[in-house]
Amino acid sequence: MFSGIVESLGIVTGLFNEGVGCRLEIEDELVGGSVKTADSVAVNGCCLTVIGKSGNKFEFQAGPETLSRTNLGELVVGSRVNLERALLVGERLGGHFVSGHIDGQGELVRIDDLGDWQDYYFKVPPELSVQMASKGSVAVDGASLTLVKCDADLFSVALIPYTLKVTTLGFRKIGDKANIETDILAKYVQKLITVHENLNAKF
C-alpha cells in the first residue's frame, strides 16, 4: 500500500529482455539506499517487487500484463521514474490510499500554462472516468492528485510548482501516456451500485 506521495525521481540504468517480460534496473540514492530484496516499490505508480540490488541500484521484473497495461514498457535507459516505498504503519498519510495496481493509461491531451502552475488534461476510457469525481483523488504515475474537472472521457488536475519539480509530470509532453489508478473507494462504490442495479433488474 502506498500514499501517492512521490519520494524520489529514479533513473532507469538498465533494461534487459527476458522473453515475454523484462528486467528493469533503476538507480536512486534515497530508495536504493534503503530497500532490500522482496520489498515493494511503486514505480510510476506500479507496485513492483525488488528482486536484487547493488549499492544504489535495484532491479525489478515486469511481465507482459504489467508491460501492456502501464507505461513501463515505453521506458528506455535514462528515463526518469517516480518512486515511492511502501507505507509504514503509523506514518502520516499525506495523499490517499494507493494500491499500486494500475487500472489503465491516460493520454495527456492538453496543458494550460499558468506560469509556475499548470493544469493537465488527460483522456481516459469511460470505465475509468466513471470512477472519478471533482475534488476526489486519482494517482497519475503514482502521484496522488486532486481531480478538478471530470467528463465522460477526460479529467484535469492542477499541478503546483513542487509537484512539477519532483515528479515525472514536469517532463510530460502532449501525447505522453501516464499510468492511472482510480480511488479504491470509488471502485467499491461502483461495484455495489452495479450489483444493486443487476438485482433490481431481475425482479
N, C-alpha and C. Protein backbone atom coordinates (compact mmCIF):
# COMPACT_ATOMS: atom_id res chain seq x y z
N MET A 1 0.85 -1.19 0.00
CA MET A 1 0.00 0.00 0.00
C MET A 1 0.89 1.24 0.00
N PHE A 2 0.45 2.25 -0.74
CA PHE A 2 1.21 3.49 -0.89
C PHE A 2 0.32 4.69 -0.61
N SER A 3 0.93 5.87 -0.56
CA SER A 3 0.17 7.09 -0.29
C SER A 3 0.02 7.98 -1.51
N GLY A 4 0.83 7.72 -2.55
CA GLY A 4 0.81 8.59 -3.72
C GLY A 4 1.67 9.83 -3.56
N ILE A 5 2.47 9.87 -2.49
CA ILE A 5 3.42 10.96 -2.31
C ILE A 5 4.77 10.49 -2.84
N VAL A 6 5.14 10.96 -4.01
CA VAL A 6 6.38 10.52 -4.66
C VAL A 6 7.58 10.95 -3.82
N GLU A 7 8.44 9.98 -3.55
CA GLU A 7 9.60 10.25 -2.70
C GLU A 7 10.82 10.70 -3.48
N SER A 8 10.96 10.18 -4.70
CA SER A 8 12.19 10.46 -5.43
C SER A 8 12.00 10.19 -6.92
N LEU A 9 12.86 10.81 -7.73
CA LEU A 9 12.92 10.55 -9.16
C LEU A 9 14.11 9.63 -9.43
N GLY A 10 13.83 8.40 -9.81
CA GLY A 10 14.90 7.48 -10.13
C GLY A 10 15.24 7.53 -11.61
N ILE A 11 16.38 6.95 -11.96
CA ILE A 11 16.84 6.90 -13.35
C ILE A 11 16.96 5.45 -13.78
N VAL A 12 16.37 5.12 -14.92
CA VAL A 12 16.50 3.78 -15.48
C VAL A 12 17.92 3.61 -16.00
N THR A 13 18.62 2.62 -15.46
CA THR A 13 20.01 2.39 -15.87
C THR A 13 20.19 1.10 -16.65
N GLY A 14 19.14 0.30 -16.71
CA GLY A 14 19.25 -0.94 -17.47
C GLY A 14 17.89 -1.53 -17.81
N LEU A 15 17.76 -2.07 -19.02
CA LEU A 15 16.56 -2.77 -19.47
C LEU A 15 17.03 -4.06 -20.13
N PHE A 16 16.56 -5.19 -19.62
CA PHE A 16 17.05 -6.48 -20.11
C PHE A 16 15.88 -7.36 -20.51
N ASN A 17 15.87 -7.79 -21.77
CA ASN A 17 14.79 -8.63 -22.28
C ASN A 17 14.84 -10.00 -21.62
N GLU A 18 13.67 -10.46 -21.16
CA GLU A 18 13.57 -11.79 -20.56
C GLU A 18 12.40 -12.55 -21.20
N GLY A 19 12.43 -12.64 -22.51
CA GLY A 19 11.36 -13.33 -23.21
C GLY A 19 10.13 -12.45 -23.29
N VAL A 20 9.04 -12.89 -22.67
CA VAL A 20 7.80 -12.11 -22.71
C VAL A 20 7.83 -10.93 -21.76
N GLY A 21 8.76 -10.93 -20.83
CA GLY A 21 8.88 -9.85 -19.86
C GLY A 21 10.22 -9.15 -19.96
N CYS A 22 10.54 -8.37 -18.95
CA CYS A 22 11.83 -7.70 -18.93
C CYS A 22 12.29 -7.48 -17.49
N ARG A 23 13.58 -7.25 -17.35
CA ARG A 23 14.16 -6.90 -16.06
C ARG A 23 14.55 -5.44 -16.12
N LEU A 24 14.15 -4.70 -15.11
CA LEU A 24 14.32 -3.26 -15.08
C LEU A 24 15.28 -2.88 -13.95
N GLU A 25 16.32 -2.14 -14.29
CA GLU A 25 17.29 -1.68 -13.28
C GLU A 25 17.16 -0.16 -13.12
N ILE A 26 17.04 0.26 -11.87
CA ILE A 26 16.86 1.67 -11.54
C ILE A 26 17.90 2.08 -10.52
N GLU A 27 18.37 3.32 -10.65
CA GLU A 27 19.32 3.86 -9.68
C GLU A 27 18.71 5.07 -8.98
N ASP A 28 18.80 5.08 -7.66
CA ASP A 28 18.33 6.20 -6.88
C ASP A 28 18.95 6.12 -5.50
N GLU A 29 19.50 7.24 -5.04
CA GLU A 29 20.21 7.24 -3.77
C GLU A 29 19.29 7.01 -2.58
N LEU A 30 18.14 7.70 -2.55
CA LEU A 30 17.23 7.60 -1.41
C LEU A 30 16.62 6.21 -1.30
N VAL A 31 15.95 5.77 -2.36
CA VAL A 31 15.27 4.48 -2.33
C VAL A 31 16.27 3.34 -2.37
N GLY A 32 17.27 3.45 -3.24
CA GLY A 32 18.26 2.39 -3.36
C GLY A 32 19.06 2.17 -2.10
N GLY A 33 19.20 3.23 -1.31
CA GLY A 33 19.97 3.11 -0.08
C GLY A 33 19.23 2.43 1.05
N SER A 34 17.91 2.20 0.88
CA SER A 34 17.14 1.67 2.00
C SER A 34 16.37 0.39 1.68
N VAL A 35 16.04 0.14 0.40
CA VAL A 35 15.24 -1.05 0.10
C VAL A 35 16.09 -2.31 0.13
N LYS A 36 15.40 -3.43 0.28
CA LYS A 36 16.07 -4.72 0.24
C LYS A 36 15.27 -5.67 -0.65
N THR A 37 15.84 -6.79 -0.99
CA THR A 37 15.17 -7.76 -1.83
C THR A 37 13.83 -8.17 -1.21
N ALA A 38 12.81 -8.24 -2.05
CA ALA A 38 11.43 -8.61 -1.69
C ALA A 38 10.60 -7.42 -1.23
N ASP A 39 11.20 -6.23 -1.10
CA ASP A 39 10.43 -5.04 -0.76
C ASP A 39 9.55 -4.62 -1.95
N SER A 40 8.44 -3.94 -1.65
CA SER A 40 7.57 -3.40 -2.69
C SER A 40 7.89 -1.93 -2.90
N VAL A 41 7.98 -1.53 -4.16
CA VAL A 41 8.23 -0.14 -4.52
C VAL A 41 7.28 0.23 -5.65
N ALA A 42 6.67 1.40 -5.56
CA ALA A 42 5.83 1.89 -6.65
C ALA A 42 6.72 2.61 -7.66
N VAL A 43 6.72 2.11 -8.89
CA VAL A 43 7.50 2.69 -9.98
C VAL A 43 6.50 3.28 -10.98
N ASN A 44 6.45 4.59 -11.07
CA ASN A 44 5.40 5.27 -11.85
C ASN A 44 4.02 4.77 -11.41
N GLY A 45 3.90 4.51 -10.11
CA GLY A 45 2.61 4.10 -9.55
C GLY A 45 2.33 2.62 -9.62
N CYS A 46 3.21 1.85 -10.26
CA CYS A 46 3.01 0.41 -10.42
C CYS A 46 3.80 -0.34 -9.34
N CYS A 47 3.10 -1.12 -8.53
CA CYS A 47 3.74 -1.85 -7.44
C CYS A 47 4.59 -2.99 -8.00
N LEU A 48 5.90 -2.93 -7.75
CA LEU A 48 6.83 -3.96 -8.20
C LEU A 48 7.65 -4.47 -7.02
N THR A 49 8.16 -5.67 -7.15
CA THR A 49 8.95 -6.30 -6.09
C THR A 49 10.43 -6.24 -6.42
N VAL A 50 11.23 -5.76 -5.48
CA VAL A 50 12.68 -5.71 -5.67
C VAL A 50 13.21 -7.14 -5.71
N ILE A 51 13.92 -7.49 -6.79
CA ILE A 51 14.46 -8.85 -6.91
C ILE A 51 15.96 -8.90 -6.68
N GLY A 52 16.59 -7.74 -6.58
CA GLY A 52 18.02 -7.68 -6.32
C GLY A 52 18.50 -6.25 -6.27
N LYS A 53 19.63 -6.04 -5.61
CA LYS A 53 20.17 -4.68 -5.54
C LYS A 53 21.67 -4.72 -5.36
N SER A 54 22.30 -3.62 -5.80
CA SER A 54 23.74 -3.46 -5.64
C SER A 54 24.00 -1.98 -5.47
N GLY A 55 24.41 -1.58 -4.28
CA GLY A 55 24.60 -0.17 -4.00
C GLY A 55 23.27 0.56 -4.08
N ASN A 56 23.24 1.61 -4.89
CA ASN A 56 22.01 2.39 -5.07
C ASN A 56 21.18 1.91 -6.26
N LYS A 57 21.60 0.81 -6.87
CA LYS A 57 20.85 0.25 -7.99
C LYS A 57 20.02 -0.94 -7.51
N PHE A 58 18.78 -1.03 -8.02
CA PHE A 58 17.91 -2.13 -7.63
C PHE A 58 17.12 -2.56 -8.85
N GLU A 59 16.67 -3.82 -8.84
CA GLU A 59 16.06 -4.42 -10.04
C GLU A 59 14.66 -4.94 -9.76
N PHE A 60 13.86 -4.95 -10.84
CA PHE A 60 12.50 -5.50 -10.81
C PHE A 60 12.31 -6.34 -12.06
N GLN A 61 11.31 -7.22 -12.01
CA GLN A 61 10.88 -7.94 -13.20
C GLN A 61 9.46 -7.50 -13.53
N ALA A 62 9.20 -7.27 -14.81
CA ALA A 62 7.87 -6.86 -15.27
C ALA A 62 7.42 -7.83 -16.34
N GLY A 63 6.24 -8.43 -16.13
CA GLY A 63 5.70 -9.40 -17.08
C GLY A 63 4.85 -8.74 -18.14
N PRO A 64 4.30 -9.53 -19.06
CA PRO A 64 3.53 -8.99 -20.18
C PRO A 64 2.30 -8.20 -19.75
N GLU A 65 1.63 -8.62 -18.68
CA GLU A 65 0.45 -7.89 -18.19
C GLU A 65 0.84 -6.49 -17.75
N THR A 66 1.91 -6.40 -16.97
CA THR A 66 2.38 -5.09 -16.50
C THR A 66 2.82 -4.22 -17.66
N LEU A 67 3.54 -4.78 -18.60
CA LEU A 67 4.07 -4.01 -19.73
C LEU A 67 2.96 -3.52 -20.65
N SER A 68 1.86 -4.28 -20.75
CA SER A 68 0.78 -3.90 -21.65
C SER A 68 -0.17 -2.89 -21.01
N ARG A 69 -0.31 -2.92 -19.69
CA ARG A 69 -1.29 -2.06 -19.01
C ARG A 69 -0.69 -0.75 -18.49
N THR A 70 0.64 -0.64 -18.49
CA THR A 70 1.29 0.53 -17.94
C THR A 70 2.25 1.15 -18.94
N ASN A 71 2.84 2.28 -18.55
CA ASN A 71 3.83 2.92 -19.43
C ASN A 71 5.25 2.41 -19.18
N LEU A 72 5.40 1.38 -18.36
CA LEU A 72 6.74 0.85 -18.09
C LEU A 72 7.36 0.24 -19.34
N GLY A 73 6.52 -0.25 -20.25
CA GLY A 73 7.03 -0.82 -21.50
C GLY A 73 7.62 0.22 -22.44
N GLU A 74 7.39 1.50 -22.16
CA GLU A 74 7.91 2.57 -23.00
C GLU A 74 9.21 3.16 -22.46
N LEU A 75 9.65 2.67 -21.30
CA LEU A 75 10.86 3.21 -20.70
C LEU A 75 12.09 2.85 -21.52
N VAL A 76 13.08 3.74 -21.47
CA VAL A 76 14.38 3.50 -22.09
C VAL A 76 15.44 3.86 -21.05
N VAL A 77 16.66 3.43 -21.30
CA VAL A 77 17.75 3.80 -20.40
C VAL A 77 17.86 5.33 -20.36
N GLY A 78 17.85 5.88 -19.17
CA GLY A 78 17.89 7.32 -18.98
C GLY A 78 16.54 7.91 -18.62
N SER A 79 15.46 7.12 -18.77
CA SER A 79 14.13 7.61 -18.39
C SER A 79 14.06 7.90 -16.90
N ARG A 80 13.30 8.92 -16.54
CA ARG A 80 13.04 9.20 -15.13
C ARG A 80 11.77 8.46 -14.72
N VAL A 81 11.74 7.99 -13.48
CA VAL A 81 10.55 7.31 -12.96
C VAL A 81 10.25 7.80 -11.55
N ASN A 82 8.95 7.90 -11.24
CA ASN A 82 8.53 8.24 -9.88
C ASN A 82 8.70 7.03 -8.98
N LEU A 83 9.24 7.25 -7.80
CA LEU A 83 9.46 6.16 -6.86
C LEU A 83 8.82 6.46 -5.52
N GLU A 84 8.19 5.44 -4.94
CA GLU A 84 7.68 5.53 -3.58
C GLU A 84 7.80 4.18 -2.91
N ARG A 85 8.40 4.16 -1.72
CA ARG A 85 8.46 2.92 -0.95
C ARG A 85 7.11 2.67 -0.29
N ALA A 86 6.85 1.41 0.06
CA ALA A 86 5.58 1.05 0.69
C ALA A 86 5.43 1.78 2.02
N LEU A 87 4.16 2.03 2.39
CA LEU A 87 3.86 2.74 3.63
C LEU A 87 4.32 1.96 4.85
N LEU A 88 4.71 2.69 5.87
CA LEU A 88 4.99 2.11 7.18
C LEU A 88 3.78 2.35 8.07
N VAL A 89 3.38 1.35 8.83
CA VAL A 89 2.26 1.52 9.75
C VAL A 89 2.63 2.58 10.80
N GLY A 90 1.73 3.54 10.99
CA GLY A 90 1.99 4.59 11.97
C GLY A 90 2.49 5.89 11.36
N GLU A 91 2.80 5.85 10.04
CA GLU A 91 3.25 7.06 9.37
C GLU A 91 2.06 7.94 9.00
N ARG A 92 2.30 9.24 8.82
CA ARG A 92 1.25 10.14 8.34
C ARG A 92 0.90 9.79 6.89
N LEU A 93 -0.37 9.87 6.56
CA LEU A 93 -0.82 9.59 5.20
C LEU A 93 -1.12 10.92 4.51
N GLY A 94 -0.18 11.39 3.73
CA GLY A 94 -0.32 12.71 3.12
C GLY A 94 -1.14 12.74 1.85
N GLY A 95 -1.30 11.61 1.17
CA GLY A 95 -2.05 11.58 -0.07
C GLY A 95 -3.36 10.85 0.11
N HIS A 96 -3.50 9.68 -0.54
CA HIS A 96 -4.67 8.81 -0.32
C HIS A 96 -4.19 7.38 -0.49
N PHE A 97 -5.06 6.41 -0.15
CA PHE A 97 -4.66 5.02 -0.26
C PHE A 97 -4.48 4.62 -1.73
N VAL A 98 -3.26 4.22 -2.07
CA VAL A 98 -2.90 3.82 -3.43
C VAL A 98 -2.38 2.39 -3.37
N SER A 99 -2.98 1.51 -4.17
CA SER A 99 -2.61 0.09 -4.10
C SER A 99 -1.40 -0.25 -4.96
N GLY A 100 -1.14 0.57 -5.97
CA GLY A 100 -0.06 0.25 -6.90
C GLY A 100 -0.51 -0.68 -8.02
N HIS A 101 -1.83 -0.92 -8.11
CA HIS A 101 -2.39 -1.76 -9.17
C HIS A 101 -3.02 -0.84 -10.22
N ILE A 102 -2.35 -0.68 -11.34
CA ILE A 102 -2.74 0.28 -12.36
C ILE A 102 -4.03 -0.17 -13.06
N ASP A 103 -4.97 0.76 -13.19
CA ASP A 103 -6.25 0.46 -13.83
C ASP A 103 -6.20 0.65 -15.34
N GLY A 104 -5.33 1.51 -15.82
CA GLY A 104 -5.22 1.79 -17.24
C GLY A 104 -4.32 2.99 -17.46
N GLN A 105 -4.31 3.46 -18.69
CA GLN A 105 -3.46 4.60 -19.02
C GLN A 105 -4.30 5.77 -19.50
N GLY A 106 -3.79 6.96 -19.23
CA GLY A 106 -4.40 8.18 -19.74
C GLY A 106 -3.43 8.87 -20.67
N GLU A 107 -3.96 9.61 -21.64
CA GLU A 107 -3.12 10.35 -22.58
C GLU A 107 -3.20 11.84 -22.27
N LEU A 108 -2.05 12.46 -22.10
CA LEU A 108 -2.02 13.90 -21.86
C LEU A 108 -2.39 14.62 -23.16
N VAL A 109 -3.52 15.32 -23.15
CA VAL A 109 -4.02 15.94 -24.38
C VAL A 109 -4.02 17.46 -24.34
N ARG A 110 -3.81 18.03 -23.16
CA ARG A 110 -3.83 19.49 -23.07
C ARG A 110 -3.08 19.95 -21.82
N ILE A 111 -2.33 21.04 -21.97
CA ILE A 111 -1.64 21.66 -20.85
C ILE A 111 -1.97 23.14 -20.85
N ASP A 112 -2.57 23.61 -19.77
CA ASP A 112 -2.81 25.04 -19.61
C ASP A 112 -1.69 25.61 -18.75
N ASP A 113 -0.84 26.45 -19.38
CA ASP A 113 0.31 27.01 -18.68
C ASP A 113 -0.12 28.25 -17.92
N LEU A 114 -0.04 28.18 -16.61
CA LEU A 114 -0.44 29.29 -15.75
C LEU A 114 0.77 29.90 -15.05
N GLY A 115 1.89 29.92 -15.73
CA GLY A 115 3.12 30.40 -15.13
C GLY A 115 3.84 29.25 -14.45
N ASP A 116 4.03 29.36 -13.14
CA ASP A 116 4.66 28.28 -12.39
C ASP A 116 3.72 27.10 -12.19
N TRP A 117 2.43 27.35 -12.28
CA TRP A 117 1.42 26.32 -12.14
C TRP A 117 0.98 25.85 -13.52
N GLN A 118 0.50 24.60 -13.59
CA GLN A 118 -0.02 24.09 -14.86
C GLN A 118 -1.21 23.18 -14.61
N ASP A 119 -2.20 23.26 -15.49
CA ASP A 119 -3.34 22.36 -15.46
C ASP A 119 -3.15 21.32 -16.56
N TYR A 120 -3.21 20.05 -16.20
CA TYR A 120 -3.05 18.96 -17.15
C TYR A 120 -4.40 18.30 -17.39
N TYR A 121 -4.67 17.97 -18.66
CA TYR A 121 -5.91 17.28 -19.03
C TYR A 121 -5.54 15.92 -19.64
N PHE A 122 -6.13 14.87 -19.10
CA PHE A 122 -5.86 13.51 -19.56
C PHE A 122 -7.12 12.87 -20.14
N LYS A 123 -6.97 12.26 -21.30
CA LYS A 123 -8.06 11.49 -21.89
C LYS A 123 -7.97 10.07 -21.37
N VAL A 124 -9.12 9.53 -20.90
CA VAL A 124 -9.14 8.19 -20.32
C VAL A 124 -10.38 7.44 -20.82
N PRO A 125 -10.35 6.09 -20.76
CA PRO A 125 -11.53 5.32 -21.13
C PRO A 125 -12.69 5.60 -20.17
N PRO A 126 -13.93 5.49 -20.65
CA PRO A 126 -15.11 5.75 -19.80
C PRO A 126 -15.15 4.89 -18.55
N GLU A 127 -14.62 3.66 -18.61
CA GLU A 127 -14.66 2.79 -17.44
C GLU A 127 -13.79 3.30 -16.31
N LEU A 128 -12.86 4.20 -16.63
CA LEU A 128 -12.06 4.84 -15.58
C LEU A 128 -12.70 6.15 -15.13
N SER A 129 -13.19 6.92 -16.09
CA SER A 129 -13.74 8.23 -15.74
C SER A 129 -14.98 8.11 -14.86
N VAL A 130 -15.72 6.99 -14.97
CA VAL A 130 -16.92 6.82 -14.16
C VAL A 130 -16.57 6.70 -12.68
N GLN A 131 -15.31 6.38 -12.38
CA GLN A 131 -14.85 6.26 -11.00
C GLN A 131 -14.18 7.53 -10.50
N MET A 132 -14.40 8.63 -11.20
CA MET A 132 -13.77 9.90 -10.83
C MET A 132 -14.83 10.95 -10.54
N ALA A 133 -14.54 11.82 -9.57
CA ALA A 133 -15.44 12.92 -9.23
C ALA A 133 -14.61 14.12 -8.82
N SER A 134 -15.09 15.29 -9.19
CA SER A 134 -14.37 16.53 -8.85
C SER A 134 -14.12 16.60 -7.35
N LYS A 135 -12.91 16.97 -6.99
CA LYS A 135 -12.41 17.06 -5.61
C LYS A 135 -12.05 15.69 -5.02
N GLY A 136 -12.22 14.64 -5.85
CA GLY A 136 -11.80 13.32 -5.42
C GLY A 136 -10.31 13.13 -5.69
N SER A 137 -9.82 11.91 -5.52
CA SER A 137 -8.40 11.63 -5.69
C SER A 137 -8.15 10.68 -6.85
N VAL A 138 -6.98 10.84 -7.47
CA VAL A 138 -6.52 9.94 -8.52
C VAL A 138 -5.00 9.87 -8.42
N ALA A 139 -4.44 8.72 -8.78
CA ALA A 139 -2.99 8.57 -8.84
C ALA A 139 -2.57 8.58 -10.30
N VAL A 140 -1.70 9.53 -10.66
CA VAL A 140 -1.19 9.65 -12.02
C VAL A 140 0.31 9.37 -11.98
N ASP A 141 0.73 8.28 -12.61
CA ASP A 141 2.12 7.82 -12.48
C ASP A 141 2.52 7.72 -11.01
N GLY A 142 1.55 7.34 -10.18
CA GLY A 142 1.84 7.13 -8.76
C GLY A 142 1.75 8.36 -7.90
N ALA A 143 1.50 9.52 -8.49
CA ALA A 143 1.40 10.76 -7.72
C ALA A 143 -0.06 11.01 -7.34
N SER A 144 -0.31 11.18 -6.05
CA SER A 144 -1.66 11.45 -5.57
C SER A 144 -2.05 12.88 -5.93
N LEU A 145 -3.15 13.02 -6.70
CA LEU A 145 -3.58 14.33 -7.16
C LEU A 145 -5.08 14.51 -6.92
N THR A 146 -5.50 15.75 -6.82
CA THR A 146 -6.92 16.07 -6.65
C THR A 146 -7.55 16.35 -8.00
N LEU A 147 -8.65 15.69 -8.26
CA LEU A 147 -9.37 15.87 -9.52
C LEU A 147 -10.05 17.24 -9.55
N VAL A 148 -9.96 17.91 -10.69
CA VAL A 148 -10.60 19.21 -10.86
C VAL A 148 -11.83 19.04 -11.75
N LYS A 149 -11.60 18.84 -13.04
CA LYS A 149 -12.70 18.65 -13.99
C LYS A 149 -12.82 17.17 -14.33
N CYS A 150 -14.04 16.66 -14.36
CA CYS A 150 -14.27 15.26 -14.70
C CYS A 150 -15.38 15.16 -15.74
N ASP A 151 -15.05 14.69 -16.94
CA ASP A 151 -16.02 14.49 -18.00
C ASP A 151 -16.08 13.00 -18.34
N ALA A 152 -16.84 12.66 -19.38
CA ALA A 152 -17.05 11.26 -19.73
C ALA A 152 -15.75 10.56 -20.13
N ASP A 153 -14.82 11.28 -20.74
CA ASP A 153 -13.57 10.65 -21.17
C ASP A 153 -12.36 11.55 -20.91
N LEU A 154 -12.50 12.47 -19.96
CA LEU A 154 -11.44 13.45 -19.72
C LEU A 154 -11.45 13.88 -18.26
N PHE A 155 -10.26 14.08 -17.70
CA PHE A 155 -10.17 14.69 -16.37
C PHE A 155 -8.99 15.64 -16.33
N SER A 156 -9.05 16.57 -15.40
CA SER A 156 -7.94 17.52 -15.26
C SER A 156 -7.45 17.55 -13.82
N VAL A 157 -6.19 17.93 -13.67
CA VAL A 157 -5.57 18.11 -12.36
C VAL A 157 -4.76 19.40 -12.40
N ALA A 158 -4.70 20.08 -11.27
CA ALA A 158 -3.92 21.31 -11.16
C ALA A 158 -2.61 20.97 -10.46
N LEU A 159 -1.50 21.24 -11.12
CA LEU A 159 -0.19 20.86 -10.60
C LEU A 159 0.56 22.08 -10.06
N ILE A 160 0.94 21.97 -8.80
CA ILE A 160 1.70 23.05 -8.16
C ILE A 160 3.16 22.96 -8.60
N PRO A 161 3.93 24.03 -8.45
CA PRO A 161 5.33 24.01 -8.86
C PRO A 161 6.14 22.88 -8.24
N TYR A 162 5.87 22.56 -6.97
CA TYR A 162 6.62 21.48 -6.29
C TYR A 162 6.40 20.15 -6.99
N THR A 163 5.15 19.82 -7.32
CA THR A 163 4.84 18.55 -7.99
C THR A 163 5.52 18.48 -9.36
N LEU A 164 5.51 19.59 -10.09
CA LEU A 164 6.15 19.64 -11.41
C LEU A 164 7.66 19.43 -11.30
N LYS A 165 8.22 19.83 -10.17
CA LYS A 165 9.67 19.75 -9.99
C LYS A 165 10.13 18.37 -9.54
N VAL A 166 9.37 17.71 -8.66
CA VAL A 166 9.86 16.49 -8.02
C VAL A 166 9.27 15.21 -8.59
N THR A 167 8.42 15.29 -9.61
CA THR A 167 7.86 14.09 -10.23
C THR A 167 8.08 14.13 -11.74
N THR A 168 7.78 13.02 -12.39
CA THR A 168 7.93 12.94 -13.84
C THR A 168 6.93 13.83 -14.56
N LEU A 169 5.89 14.27 -13.87
CA LEU A 169 4.85 15.07 -14.53
C LEU A 169 5.41 16.36 -15.12
N GLY A 170 6.43 16.91 -14.50
CA GLY A 170 7.03 18.13 -15.01
C GLY A 170 7.74 17.95 -16.34
N PHE A 171 7.98 16.70 -16.74
CA PHE A 171 8.67 16.41 -18.00
C PHE A 171 7.72 15.90 -19.08
N ARG A 172 6.44 15.77 -18.75
CA ARG A 172 5.48 15.22 -19.69
C ARG A 172 5.16 16.19 -20.82
N LYS A 173 4.87 15.61 -22.01
CA LYS A 173 4.51 16.39 -23.19
C LYS A 173 3.16 15.89 -23.72
N ILE A 174 2.52 16.70 -24.54
CA ILE A 174 1.26 16.31 -25.16
C ILE A 174 1.46 14.99 -25.91
N GLY A 175 0.54 14.05 -25.68
CA GLY A 175 0.62 12.75 -26.33
C GLY A 175 1.24 11.67 -25.46
N ASP A 176 1.91 12.08 -24.36
CA ASP A 176 2.52 11.10 -23.46
C ASP A 176 1.43 10.32 -22.71
N LYS A 177 1.75 9.06 -22.40
CA LYS A 177 0.84 8.21 -21.64
C LYS A 177 1.26 8.18 -20.17
N ALA A 178 0.27 8.16 -19.29
CA ALA A 178 0.52 8.11 -17.85
C ALA A 178 -0.29 6.98 -17.24
N ASN A 179 0.28 6.34 -16.22
CA ASN A 179 -0.42 5.28 -15.51
C ASN A 179 -1.49 5.89 -14.61
N ILE A 180 -2.70 5.31 -14.64
CA ILE A 180 -3.82 5.83 -13.87
C ILE A 180 -4.33 4.77 -12.91
N GLU A 181 -4.46 5.16 -11.64
CA GLU A 181 -5.14 4.32 -10.66
C GLU A 181 -6.24 5.15 -10.00
N THR A 182 -7.47 4.71 -10.16
CA THR A 182 -8.58 5.44 -9.55
C THR A 182 -8.65 5.12 -8.06
N ASP A 183 -9.42 5.91 -7.33
CA ASP A 183 -9.56 5.76 -5.89
C ASP A 183 -10.20 4.42 -5.57
N ILE A 184 -9.60 3.67 -4.66
CA ILE A 184 -10.10 2.34 -4.31
C ILE A 184 -11.53 2.41 -3.76
N LEU A 185 -11.87 3.49 -3.06
CA LEU A 185 -13.23 3.64 -2.54
C LEU A 185 -14.24 3.77 -3.67
N ALA A 186 -13.85 4.46 -4.75
CA ALA A 186 -14.74 4.62 -5.90
C ALA A 186 -15.01 3.27 -6.55
N LYS A 187 -14.03 2.39 -6.56
CA LYS A 187 -14.21 1.05 -7.15
C LYS A 187 -15.28 0.28 -6.38
N TYR A 188 -15.21 0.33 -5.05
CA TYR A 188 -16.17 -0.41 -4.23
C TYR A 188 -17.58 0.17 -4.39
N VAL A 189 -17.68 1.48 -4.43
CA VAL A 189 -18.99 2.11 -4.60
C VAL A 189 -19.59 1.71 -5.94
N GLN A 190 -18.79 1.75 -6.99
CA GLN A 190 -19.30 1.37 -8.32
C GLN A 190 -19.73 -0.09 -8.33
N LYS A 191 -18.97 -0.96 -7.69
CA LYS A 191 -19.32 -2.38 -7.63
C LYS A 191 -20.66 -2.58 -6.92
N LEU A 192 -20.85 -1.89 -5.79
CA LEU A 192 -22.11 -2.01 -5.04
C LEU A 192 -23.30 -1.52 -5.87
N ILE A 193 -23.11 -0.41 -6.57
CA ILE A 193 -24.18 0.14 -7.39
C ILE A 193 -24.53 -0.83 -8.52
N THR A 194 -23.51 -1.40 -9.16
CA THR A 194 -23.72 -2.34 -10.26
C THR A 194 -24.47 -3.58 -9.79
N VAL A 195 -24.06 -4.12 -8.65
CA VAL A 195 -24.73 -5.30 -8.10
C VAL A 195 -26.18 -4.98 -7.76
N HIS A 196 -26.39 -3.83 -7.15
CA HIS A 196 -27.75 -3.40 -6.78
C HIS A 196 -28.64 -3.26 -8.02
N GLU A 197 -28.10 -2.65 -9.06
CA GLU A 197 -28.87 -2.47 -10.30
C GLU A 197 -29.20 -3.80 -10.95
N ASN A 198 -28.25 -4.73 -10.91
CA ASN A 198 -28.47 -6.04 -11.51
C ASN A 198 -29.53 -6.83 -10.75
N LEU A 199 -29.50 -6.70 -9.42
CA LEU A 199 -30.51 -7.38 -8.60
C LEU A 199 -31.90 -6.83 -8.88
N ASN A 200 -32.01 -5.50 -8.99
CA ASN A 200 -33.29 -4.87 -9.26
C ASN A 200 -33.83 -5.25 -10.64
N ALA A 201 -32.92 -5.46 -11.57
CA ALA A 201 -33.33 -5.80 -12.94
C ALA A 201 -33.95 -7.19 -13.00
N LYS A 202 -33.64 -8.05 -12.01
CA LYS A 202 -34.16 -9.42 -12.02
C LYS A 202 -35.57 -9.52 -11.45
N PHE A 203 -35.98 -8.45 -10.74
CA PHE A 203 -37.28 -8.53 -10.07
C PHE A 203 -38.23 -7.44 -10.58
